[in-house]
Protein backbone atom coordinates (compact mmCIF):
# COMPACT_ATOMS: atom_id res chain seq x y z
CA MET A 1 46.23 -68.96 -22.87
CA LYS A 2 43.47 -66.36 -22.92
CA LYS A 3 42.04 -67.99 -25.96
CA ARG A 4 41.98 -71.42 -24.19
CA THR A 5 40.38 -69.86 -21.00
CA LYS A 6 37.58 -68.27 -23.26
CA THR A 7 37.09 -71.67 -24.89
CA TYR A 8 36.48 -73.35 -21.44
CA ILE A 9 34.18 -70.71 -20.38
CA THR A 10 32.17 -70.91 -23.64
CA LEU A 11 31.95 -74.79 -23.28
CA THR A 12 30.91 -74.32 -19.63
CA VAL A 13 28.13 -72.00 -20.52
CA ILE A 14 26.94 -74.27 -23.37
CA LEU A 15 26.88 -77.24 -20.88
CA LEU A 16 24.99 -75.24 -18.31
CA LEU A 17 22.46 -74.13 -21.00
CA LEU A 18 22.10 -77.73 -22.04
CA ALA A 19 21.60 -78.95 -18.48
CA GLY A 20 19.17 -76.26 -17.78
CA GLY A 21 17.22 -76.95 -20.93
CA ALA A 22 17.17 -80.71 -20.06
CA TYR A 23 15.83 -79.82 -16.66
CA LEU A 24 13.19 -77.39 -17.93
CA PHE A 25 12.00 -79.69 -20.62
CA ARG A 26 12.52 -82.96 -18.73
CA LYS A 27 8.96 -84.11 -19.15
CA GLN A 28 9.02 -83.47 -22.99
CA LEU A 29 12.36 -85.36 -23.02
CA ALA A 30 10.79 -88.19 -21.17
CA VAL A 31 7.96 -88.45 -23.64
CA MET A 32 10.41 -88.42 -26.48
CA ALA A 33 12.32 -91.31 -24.80
CA PHE A 34 9.07 -93.14 -24.13
CA ASP A 35 8.23 -92.85 -27.83
CA LEU A 36 11.74 -94.09 -28.92
CA PHE A 37 12.29 -96.92 -26.60
CA LEU A 38 9.14 -98.08 -24.82
CA SER A 39 6.02 -97.18 -26.86
CA LYS A 40 6.00 -100.48 -28.93
CA GLN A 41 6.70 -102.64 -26.03
CA VAL A 42 3.95 -101.03 -23.96
CA GLU A 43 1.59 -101.33 -26.92
CA SER A 44 2.28 -105.06 -27.10
CA SER A 45 1.63 -105.61 -23.43
CA LEU A 46 -1.52 -103.60 -23.47
CA GLN A 47 -2.84 -105.56 -26.37
CA LYS A 48 -3.14 -108.51 -23.99
CA SER A 49 -5.35 -106.45 -21.65
CA TYR A 50 -7.68 -105.26 -24.48
CA GLN A 51 -11.02 -106.84 -23.93
CA PRO A 52 -14.09 -105.22 -25.64
CA LEU A 53 -17.40 -105.67 -23.95
CA THR A 54 -20.10 -107.96 -25.30
CA SER A 55 -23.79 -107.09 -24.70
CA GLN A 56 -26.40 -109.66 -23.33
CA ASP A 57 -27.21 -110.54 -27.08
CA ASN A 58 -23.46 -111.48 -27.52
CA VAL A 59 -22.90 -108.51 -29.79
CA PRO A 60 -19.76 -106.51 -29.28
CA SER A 61 -20.38 -103.02 -27.94
CA LYS A 62 -20.11 -100.19 -30.44
CA PRO A 63 -16.57 -98.87 -30.50
CA VAL A 64 -16.02 -95.41 -29.22
CA GLU A 65 -14.30 -92.68 -31.33
CA LYS A 66 -10.60 -92.70 -30.55
CA ILE A 67 -9.45 -89.29 -31.84
CA ALA A 68 -12.24 -87.09 -30.38
CA TYR A 69 -11.80 -88.29 -26.89
CA GLN A 70 -8.11 -87.41 -26.73
CA SER A 71 -9.09 -83.75 -26.19
CA LYS A 72 -12.75 -84.00 -24.96
CA PRO A 73 -13.67 -85.36 -21.48
CA PHE A 74 -14.52 -89.02 -21.34
CA SER A 75 -15.78 -91.43 -18.74
CA VAL A 76 -14.29 -94.77 -17.48
CA LEU A 77 -15.82 -97.20 -14.98
CA LEU A 78 -13.12 -98.41 -12.75
CA LEU A 79 -13.75 -101.83 -11.15
CA GLY A 80 -11.42 -103.21 -8.52
CA SER A 81 -11.64 -106.83 -7.64
CA ASP A 82 -10.14 -108.20 -4.48
CA GLN A 83 -10.96 -111.86 -5.38
CA ARG A 84 -9.65 -114.61 -3.06
CA ASP A 85 -9.26 -118.24 -3.73
CA ASN A 86 -12.62 -120.20 -3.87
CA GLU A 87 -14.56 -117.01 -3.77
CA PRO A 88 -17.04 -115.61 -6.35
CA SER A 89 -15.68 -112.64 -8.21
CA ARG A 90 -17.20 -109.31 -7.04
CA SER A 91 -16.20 -105.64 -7.64
CA ASP A 92 -15.11 -104.32 -4.27
CA THR A 93 -14.26 -100.99 -5.93
CA ILE A 94 -16.77 -99.21 -8.14
CA ILE A 95 -15.77 -95.80 -9.40
CA TYR A 96 -17.36 -93.61 -12.05
CA SER A 97 -14.47 -91.46 -13.28
CA VAL A 98 -14.36 -88.52 -15.72
CA VAL A 99 -11.09 -87.77 -17.35
CA ARG A 100 -10.37 -84.25 -18.75
CA PRO A 101 -7.22 -84.80 -20.86
CA LYS A 102 -6.68 -81.04 -21.67
CA ASP A 103 -6.91 -79.98 -17.93
CA SER A 104 -5.11 -83.10 -16.59
CA LYS A 105 -7.89 -83.51 -14.16
CA VAL A 106 -9.85 -86.56 -12.99
CA LEU A 107 -13.15 -86.85 -11.12
CA LEU A 108 -13.63 -89.98 -9.13
CA ILE A 109 -17.27 -90.81 -8.02
CA SER A 110 -17.15 -93.80 -5.69
CA ILE A 111 -20.14 -96.04 -5.16
CA PRO A 112 -19.81 -98.23 -2.05
CA ARG A 113 -20.08 -102.00 -2.83
CA ASP A 114 -23.12 -102.61 -0.61
CA THR A 115 -25.29 -99.89 -2.40
CA TYR A 116 -28.85 -101.12 -2.88
CA THR A 117 -29.97 -100.54 -6.44
CA GLU A 118 -31.61 -102.17 -9.54
CA ILE A 119 -29.27 -104.75 -11.20
CA VAL A 120 -29.84 -104.10 -14.90
CA GLY A 121 -30.28 -107.51 -16.59
CA LYS A 122 -31.52 -109.39 -13.50
CA GLY A 123 -34.78 -107.68 -12.92
CA LYS A 124 -34.25 -107.19 -9.18
CA LYS A 125 -32.63 -104.84 -6.59
CA ASP A 126 -29.35 -106.11 -4.85
CA LYS A 127 -25.97 -104.82 -3.79
CA ILE A 128 -24.32 -103.14 -6.73
CA THR A 129 -21.19 -105.27 -6.29
CA HIS A 130 -23.27 -108.31 -7.31
CA ALA A 131 -23.67 -106.92 -10.91
CA TYR A 132 -20.12 -108.00 -11.50
CA ALA A 133 -20.83 -111.52 -10.08
CA PHE A 134 -23.94 -111.88 -12.22
CA GLY A 135 -22.79 -110.52 -15.49
CA GLY A 136 -19.20 -109.18 -15.36
CA GLN A 137 -18.10 -105.90 -16.70
CA GLN A 138 -21.09 -105.42 -19.02
CA MET A 139 -23.69 -105.80 -16.35
CA SER A 140 -21.75 -103.54 -13.96
CA LYS A 141 -21.57 -100.91 -16.71
CA ASP A 142 -25.32 -101.16 -17.41
CA THR A 143 -26.17 -101.02 -13.68
CA VAL A 144 -23.93 -98.06 -13.00
CA GLU A 145 -25.24 -96.16 -16.07
CA ALA A 146 -28.76 -96.63 -14.80
CA PHE A 147 -27.93 -95.71 -11.26
CA LEU A 148 -26.27 -92.42 -12.20
CA ASP A 149 -28.25 -91.75 -15.40
CA HIS A 150 -24.97 -91.22 -17.45
CA ASP A 151 -23.44 -93.20 -20.15
CA ILE A 152 -19.98 -94.72 -19.67
CA ASN A 153 -17.36 -94.65 -22.54
CA TYR A 154 -14.93 -97.23 -21.16
CA TYR A 155 -14.24 -99.73 -18.41
CA ALA A 156 -11.05 -100.86 -16.70
CA THR A 157 -10.85 -103.80 -14.36
CA ILE A 158 -8.02 -104.27 -11.94
CA ASN A 159 -7.37 -107.22 -9.60
CA PHE A 160 -5.70 -105.77 -6.54
CA LYS A 161 -3.49 -108.94 -6.23
CA GLY A 162 -1.77 -107.81 -9.49
CA LEU A 163 -1.63 -104.20 -8.13
CA LYS A 164 0.15 -105.49 -5.11
CA ASP A 165 3.05 -106.87 -7.21
CA ALA A 166 3.11 -103.66 -9.28
CA VAL A 167 3.49 -101.56 -6.00
CA ASP A 168 6.44 -103.72 -5.07
CA ALA A 169 7.98 -103.24 -8.48
CA LEU A 170 7.54 -99.40 -7.98
CA GLY A 171 9.56 -99.77 -4.75
CA GLY A 172 6.49 -99.17 -2.54
CA VAL A 173 4.01 -96.38 -2.31
CA GLU A 174 3.43 -93.42 0.16
CA LEU A 175 0.20 -93.60 2.14
CA PRO A 176 -1.17 -91.19 4.75
CA ILE A 177 -1.61 -93.67 7.69
CA GLY A 178 -1.60 -91.71 10.95
CA LYS A 179 -2.77 -94.72 13.16
CA ASP A 180 -2.02 -98.38 13.22
CA ILE A 181 -4.65 -100.35 11.16
CA VAL A 182 -5.41 -103.63 12.85
CA ASN A 183 -7.67 -106.26 11.23
CA LYS A 184 -8.74 -108.37 14.21
CA GLY A 185 -12.28 -109.51 13.50
CA LYS A 186 -13.11 -113.07 14.43
CA ASP A 187 -13.79 -114.17 10.83
CA HIS A 188 -11.32 -111.72 9.19
CA GLU A 189 -7.83 -112.30 7.93
CA LYS A 190 -5.47 -110.93 10.77
CA PHE A 191 -3.02 -108.26 9.79
CA THR A 192 -1.45 -104.88 11.10
CA VAL A 193 -0.31 -101.93 8.92
CA LYS A 194 1.96 -99.72 11.11
CA ALA A 195 1.41 -95.96 10.95
CA ASN A 196 3.71 -93.16 9.77
CA LYS A 197 6.00 -95.20 7.60
CA PRO A 198 7.68 -93.29 4.78
CA ILE A 199 6.89 -96.02 2.27
CA TYR A 200 4.58 -99.05 2.25
CA SER A 201 5.02 -102.42 0.47
CA GLY A 202 2.50 -104.06 -1.95
CA GLU A 203 1.13 -106.26 0.88
CA GLU A 204 0.82 -103.39 3.34
CA ALA A 205 -0.92 -101.21 0.64
CA LEU A 206 -3.25 -104.02 -0.15
CA ASN A 207 -4.20 -104.58 3.50
CA TYR A 208 -4.71 -100.84 3.74
CA VAL A 209 -7.29 -101.13 0.94
CA ARG A 210 -8.89 -104.38 2.32
CA TYR A 211 -9.40 -103.18 5.86
CA ARG A 212 -13.21 -102.91 6.53
CA GLU A 213 -13.59 -102.93 10.31
CA ASP A 214 -14.47 -99.26 10.53
CA SER A 215 -16.96 -98.61 7.69
CA ASP A 216 -17.52 -99.22 3.99
CA PHE A 217 -17.45 -95.41 3.56
CA ASN A 218 -13.90 -95.20 5.09
CA ARG A 219 -12.85 -98.25 3.00
CA THR A 220 -13.95 -96.56 -0.19
CA LYS A 221 -12.07 -93.44 0.82
CA ARG A 222 -8.95 -95.53 1.32
CA GLN A 223 -9.46 -97.03 -2.21
CA GLN A 224 -9.42 -93.46 -3.58
CA VAL A 225 -6.29 -92.50 -1.72
CA PHE A 226 -4.59 -95.69 -2.73
CA LEU A 227 -5.32 -95.25 -6.55
CA ASP A 228 -4.16 -91.61 -6.30
CA ALA A 229 -0.79 -92.67 -4.59
CA VAL A 230 -0.19 -95.32 -7.14
CA ALA A 231 -0.91 -93.03 -10.03
CA ASN A 232 1.43 -90.38 -8.69
CA ARG A 233 4.15 -93.02 -8.18
CA MET A 234 3.84 -94.32 -11.68
CA LEU A 235 3.94 -90.84 -13.13
CA ASN A 236 7.22 -90.13 -11.39
CA LEU A 237 9.80 -89.56 -14.02
CA ASN A 238 12.07 -92.02 -12.40
CA GLN A 239 9.60 -94.81 -12.87
CA ILE A 240 8.88 -94.46 -16.63
CA SER A 241 11.28 -97.14 -17.60
CA LYS A 242 9.41 -99.68 -15.35
CA ILE A 243 6.13 -99.23 -17.27
CA PRO A 244 6.61 -102.27 -19.49
CA GLU A 245 7.56 -104.41 -16.46
CA LEU A 246 4.51 -103.24 -14.56
CA LEU A 247 2.16 -104.07 -17.41
CA GLU A 248 3.58 -107.60 -17.59
CA ILE A 249 3.15 -107.96 -13.83
CA MET A 250 -0.50 -106.94 -14.15
CA GLY A 251 -0.99 -109.60 -16.83
CA ASP A 252 -4.49 -111.02 -16.65
CA ASN A 253 -5.25 -108.90 -13.64
CA PHE A 254 -5.92 -105.81 -15.93
CA LYS A 255 -8.65 -105.66 -18.49
CA THR A 256 -10.10 -102.76 -20.41
CA ASP A 257 -11.91 -101.81 -23.65
CA MET A 258 -9.63 -98.72 -24.23
CA GLN A 259 -7.41 -99.52 -27.28
CA PRO A 260 -3.62 -99.59 -26.52
CA ASN A 261 -2.83 -96.50 -28.80
CA PHE A 262 -5.52 -94.57 -26.96
CA ILE A 263 -3.92 -95.36 -23.59
CA ILE A 264 -0.48 -94.61 -24.81
CA ASN A 265 -1.38 -91.17 -26.32
CA LEU A 266 -3.30 -90.30 -23.18
CA ALA A 267 -0.34 -91.29 -21.01
CA LYS A 268 2.02 -89.18 -23.01
CA GLN A 269 -0.35 -86.21 -22.80
CA VAL A 270 -0.47 -86.49 -19.03
CA LEU A 271 3.20 -87.11 -18.57
CA ALA A 272 4.08 -83.88 -20.70
CA ASP A 273 1.64 -81.81 -18.64
CA ASP A 274 1.64 -80.91 -14.99
CA LYS A 275 0.81 -83.37 -12.25
CA ALA A 276 -2.68 -84.72 -12.76
CA GLU A 277 -5.27 -83.48 -10.17
CA MET A 278 -7.80 -85.83 -8.70
CA THR A 279 -11.11 -84.83 -7.21
CA ALA A 280 -13.14 -87.41 -5.23
CA TYR A 281 -16.72 -87.80 -4.11
CA THR A 282 -18.44 -90.76 -2.34
CA ILE A 283 -22.12 -91.56 -2.54
CA MET A 284 -23.15 -92.15 1.13
CA GLY A 285 -25.81 -94.64 2.19
CA GLU A 286 -27.88 -95.46 5.20
CA GLY A 287 -27.48 -99.01 6.54
CA MET A 288 -30.48 -101.36 6.44
CA LYS A 289 -31.26 -105.04 6.58
CA ILE A 290 -33.53 -107.06 4.38
CA ASP A 291 -34.14 -110.65 5.25
CA GLY A 292 -31.09 -110.47 7.56
CA VAL A 293 -28.78 -109.17 4.74
CA TYR A 294 -27.07 -105.72 5.23
CA TYR A 295 -27.41 -103.13 2.46
CA ASP A 296 -26.74 -99.41 1.98
CA GLU A 297 -29.72 -97.34 0.81
CA PRO A 298 -28.14 -94.54 -1.20
CA ILE A 299 -28.77 -91.09 0.01
CA LYS A 300 -30.79 -89.32 -2.78
CA LYS A 301 -28.97 -86.00 -2.28
CA ASP A 302 -25.64 -87.57 -2.75
CA VAL A 303 -26.77 -89.36 -5.97
CA GLN A 304 -28.02 -85.98 -7.28
CA ASN A 305 -24.81 -84.37 -6.31
CA ALA A 306 -22.89 -86.97 -8.07
CA LYS A 307 -24.94 -86.34 -11.33
CA LYS A 308 -24.27 -82.66 -11.05
CA LEU A 309 -20.54 -83.19 -10.76
CA ILE A 310 -20.53 -85.57 -13.76
CA ASP A 311 -22.60 -83.04 -15.82
CA SER A 312 -20.07 -80.23 -14.91
CA TRP A 313 -17.01 -82.34 -15.71
CA GLU A 314 -18.26 -84.09 -18.85
CA ASN A 315 -19.15 -80.67 -20.50
CA PRO A 316 -16.24 -79.78 -22.74
CA ASP A 317 -17.27 -76.13 -22.48
CA THR A 318 -16.87 -75.96 -18.60
CA PRO A 319 -13.71 -73.85 -17.98
CA SER A 320 -11.11 -75.78 -15.85
CA ASP A 321 -11.37 -73.11 -13.10
CA GLN A 322 -15.11 -73.50 -12.97
CA LEU A 323 -15.52 -77.15 -12.64
CA LEU A 324 -17.99 -78.10 -9.88
CA THR A 325 -16.38 -79.58 -6.86
CA PRO A 326 -17.84 -81.30 -3.68
CA ASP A 327 -16.91 -78.26 -1.59
CA MET A 328 -18.85 -75.98 -3.97
CA LEU A 329 -21.95 -78.31 -3.56
CA ASP A 330 -21.69 -77.92 0.22
CA LYS A 331 -21.38 -74.16 -0.06
CA LYS A 332 -24.41 -73.99 -2.23
CA GLU A 333 -26.48 -75.93 0.35
CA GLU A 334 -25.26 -73.65 3.09
CA THR A 335 -26.21 -70.58 1.16
CA THR A 336 -29.68 -71.92 0.49
CA ALA A 337 -30.09 -72.79 4.18
CA VAL A 338 -29.26 -69.11 5.11
CA LYS A 339 -31.78 -67.72 2.79
């Protein structure tokens, strides 16, 4: 009887150790499961979204090294389109992002759609969002590179209609809405997004991003919050099995020149690490009109600050705890003012 009791105790201890180990190493186990069951399916889906850029001379862009960027910081131009029926395609969301895989950190530099700047390839100044309408991802990339004086390694374009269906597939998304959002402009689509809900549907989330009756700056901020919320939801361990389904939903709504293997390896790296941290900065502008058309003249100080942030984050030698942040820029200005 004693021997049987000892056996039960031993088995119980072993089970507890296994359960504890499974909990402690749940992220590593999730990566292993992803490799075994989902990797090939995800790669096949991503292949449909792979679209290398072509220059103005119809020459494919030079491919970027794949292996080196797995550890070193790299930049991605994020373009979000909210194209409606019978409307020209424009990039309502323009974000220069810097990804630091080793640190699981991402910098998001948002450029409001009405920003007035030189459109590379058109030989004139216009709203930066029109670069996409004139020349797609390539002209957007060239224009943003000239605007921020930094090269871009990759691009990724997302149509928010596809993202709406993806949010529903995820079971909704959490959003910090403290006050009802009511779109009621005479020429605007009418909708209301109720405040303080625990979870928001794809349609509600899309309306949250679309709302523009306060300011372009606030709209840009909502885009940052939305992308962060969706990323956190997707990285939830309970959602991993839905990744192939999500990619199928995105379909033609997602295009990038990042190769499938590169994305998969990066995703596994983030999944196995701690929760990714996002740092956001928005380039402000001063409203003006030219021939009756509204534009945002970018504030020079904000553009310079954006460049400083990018310099810090793209430098692989910058320690994680010494990365420049928007708060640090503000403190430097305060210190200078006191002197």
